[in-house]
Amino acid sequence: MAATKTVLRVTNNKAIVRIVATAAADTSTISFADLVGTGDALTSGGTPRANIVRVKTSCASSTSITLTRNTTVVGAFYGTDVIEESDWVLSDVNDQAIVVAFVGGPGMVIIELSKIDGYSPKFESATFGAYDNPTVVGS
């Protein structure tokens, strides 16, 4: 059964995703398309990359939550836990989607991601060069 995924916040360089599992064995996938906000888009031909900078979990001590990227386990948690950014980030296999698996019971995880590559803003800069016409968009 699939866990419920909710994108709580997306900016041009961060995203926060909450996943709630109600069954004893639930999974959900965080794809790069989930991290696209209204002000940006996936870069054409680029490779999107997103580092995990914060993880908060809440579940019974018998429940395990595993974060996997392309068969590489990047995090494993039991019960209620918090991992905060300090001088590190989980950048392992950061060009792959994140599969979140719950085993043993229901639970919740909130993951904050730092979008570091592969996303382009949809807006133009307000800075003009010497040869730009400020009255024409795209000049």
Protein backbone atom coordinates (compact mmCIF):
# COMPACT_ATOMS: atom_id res chain seq x y z
CA MET A 1 0.00 0.00 0.00
CA ALA A 2 1.22 3.51 -0.72
CA ALA A 3 1.81 5.98 2.07
CA THR A 4 0.32 9.48 1.79
CA LYS A 5 2.82 12.03 0.46
CA THR A 6 2.25 15.77 1.00
CA VAL A 7 4.57 18.47 -0.26
CA LEU A 8 4.43 21.02 2.56
CA ARG A 9 6.63 23.72 1.06
CA VAL A 10 8.61 24.32 -2.12
CA THR A 11 10.86 27.29 -2.81
CA ASN A 12 13.51 27.85 -5.45
CA ASN A 13 16.13 26.04 -3.38
CA LYS A 14 14.31 24.04 -0.66
CA ALA A 15 11.46 21.55 -0.37
CA ILE A 16 9.75 19.95 2.62
CA VAL A 17 7.85 16.69 2.16
CA ARG A 18 5.75 14.79 4.73
CA ILE A 19 4.96 11.10 4.30
CA VAL A 20 2.42 9.36 6.53
CA ALA A 21 2.05 5.57 6.59
CA THR A 22 -1.07 3.97 8.05
CA ALA A 23 -0.35 0.30 7.39
CA ALA A 24 2.36 -2.03 8.69
CA ALA A 25 4.19 -1.95 5.36
CA ASP A 26 3.87 1.27 3.34
CA THR A 27 6.13 2.93 0.77
CA SER A 28 6.22 6.23 -1.08
CA THR A 29 8.60 7.82 -3.58
CA ILE A 30 9.75 11.44 -3.61
CA SER A 31 10.55 12.27 -7.23
CA PHE A 32 12.27 15.36 -8.59
CA ALA A 33 8.97 16.44 -10.16
CA ASP A 34 7.55 16.68 -6.61
CA LEU A 35 10.17 19.35 -5.84
CA VAL A 36 9.20 21.73 -8.66
CA GLY A 37 7.59 24.88 -7.30
CA THR A 38 5.47 27.47 -9.07
CA GLY A 39 8.54 29.67 -9.58
CA ASP A 40 10.87 27.11 -11.12
CA ALA A 41 11.08 24.20 -13.54
CA LEU A 42 13.34 21.23 -14.19
CA THR A 43 16.27 22.36 -16.32
CA SER A 44 16.06 20.94 -19.82
CA GLY A 45 18.92 18.48 -20.27
CA GLY A 46 20.11 19.05 -16.71
CA THR A 47 20.49 16.54 -13.92
CA PRO A 48 18.39 17.45 -10.88
CA ARG A 49 20.10 16.93 -7.54
CA ALA A 50 18.70 17.34 -4.05
CA ASN A 51 20.47 16.77 -0.74
CA ILE A 52 18.66 15.67 2.41
CA VAL A 53 19.37 18.29 5.08
CA ARG A 54 16.84 17.44 7.81
CA VAL A 55 14.80 14.37 8.75
CA LYS A 56 12.17 14.12 11.49
CA THR A 57 10.42 10.83 12.21
CA SER A 58 7.58 9.80 14.47
CA CYS A 59 6.52 6.19 14.89
CA ALA A 60 6.44 3.32 17.36
CA SER A 61 9.80 1.93 18.47
CA SER A 62 8.99 -1.29 16.59
CA THR A 63 8.53 0.59 13.30
CA SER A 64 11.48 1.18 11.00
CA ILE A 65 11.69 3.88 8.34
CA THR A 66 14.25 3.43 5.57
CA LEU A 67 15.30 6.06 3.01
CA THR A 68 16.72 4.54 -0.18
CA ARG A 69 18.13 6.13 -3.31
CA ASN A 70 18.75 3.77 -6.24
CA THR A 71 19.20 0.72 -3.96
CA THR A 72 21.56 2.68 -1.66
CA VAL A 73 20.23 3.05 1.88
CA VAL A 74 20.88 6.66 2.89
CA GLY A 75 19.01 6.59 6.22
CA ALA A 76 17.39 4.14 8.64
CA PHE A 77 15.34 5.25 11.63
CA TYR A 78 13.45 3.60 14.48
CA GLY A 79 10.83 5.33 16.61
CA THR A 80 10.90 9.09 17.01
CA ASP A 81 14.12 10.65 15.80
CA VAL A 82 15.44 13.97 14.52
CA ILE A 83 18.50 14.56 12.41
CA GLU A 84 19.30 18.24 11.95
CA GLU A 85 21.67 19.89 9.52
CA SER A 86 24.93 21.00 11.06
CA ASP A 87 28.11 20.56 9.09
CA TRP A 88 26.85 17.70 6.94
CA VAL A 89 24.14 16.74 4.47
CA LEU A 90 23.03 13.38 3.12
CA SER A 91 24.31 13.82 -0.42
CA ASP A 92 24.70 10.12 -1.28
CA VAL A 93 23.22 9.35 -4.71
CA ASN A 94 21.55 12.79 -4.71
CA ASP A 95 20.60 12.50 -8.37
CA GLN A 96 18.07 9.70 -7.63
CA ALA A 97 14.52 9.70 -6.28
CA ILE A 98 13.99 8.88 -2.60
CA VAL A 99 11.99 5.78 -1.69
CA VAL A 100 10.63 5.89 1.86
CA ALA A 101 9.67 2.49 3.31
CA PHE A 102 7.81 1.88 6.58
CA VAL A 103 8.02 -1.61 8.11
CA GLY A 104 6.34 -2.79 11.30
CA GLY A 105 3.60 -0.22 11.74
CA PRO A 106 2.32 3.25 10.95
CA GLY A 107 4.48 6.34 11.19
CA MET A 108 5.38 9.72 9.77
CA VAL A 109 8.53 11.28 8.34
CA ILE A 110 9.23 14.89 7.36
CA ILE A 111 12.17 15.38 5.01
CA GLU A 112 13.71 18.73 4.11
CA LEU A 113 15.63 18.77 0.85
CA SER A 114 18.07 21.30 -0.55
CA LYS A 115 17.72 21.57 -4.33
CA ILE A 116 21.29 22.09 -5.50
CA ASP A 117 21.15 21.52 -9.26
CA GLY A 118 18.78 20.91 -12.17
CA TYR A 119 16.13 23.54 -11.44
CA SER A 120 15.73 26.85 -13.28
CA PRO A 121 13.70 29.89 -12.24
CA LYS A 122 10.79 30.79 -14.52
CA PHE A 123 11.27 34.51 -14.02
CA GLU A 124 13.77 36.89 -15.53
CA SER A 125 16.20 38.91 -13.51
CA ALA A 126 15.37 42.57 -13.00
CA THR A 127 19.00 43.46 -13.71
CA PHE A 128 19.63 44.88 -17.16
CA GLY A 129 22.86 45.09 -19.07
CA ALA A 130 24.11 47.91 -21.27
CA TYR A 131 22.53 46.37 -24.38
CA ASP A 132 19.19 45.35 -22.85
CA ASN A 133 15.98 47.21 -23.56
CA PRO A 134 14.19 47.42 -20.16
CA THR A 135 10.84 47.95 -21.90
CA VAL A 136 10.95 44.61 -23.76
CA VAL A 137 10.77 41.24 -22.00
CA GLY A 138 13.55 38.88 -23.05
CA SER A 139 15.76 41.46 -24.74
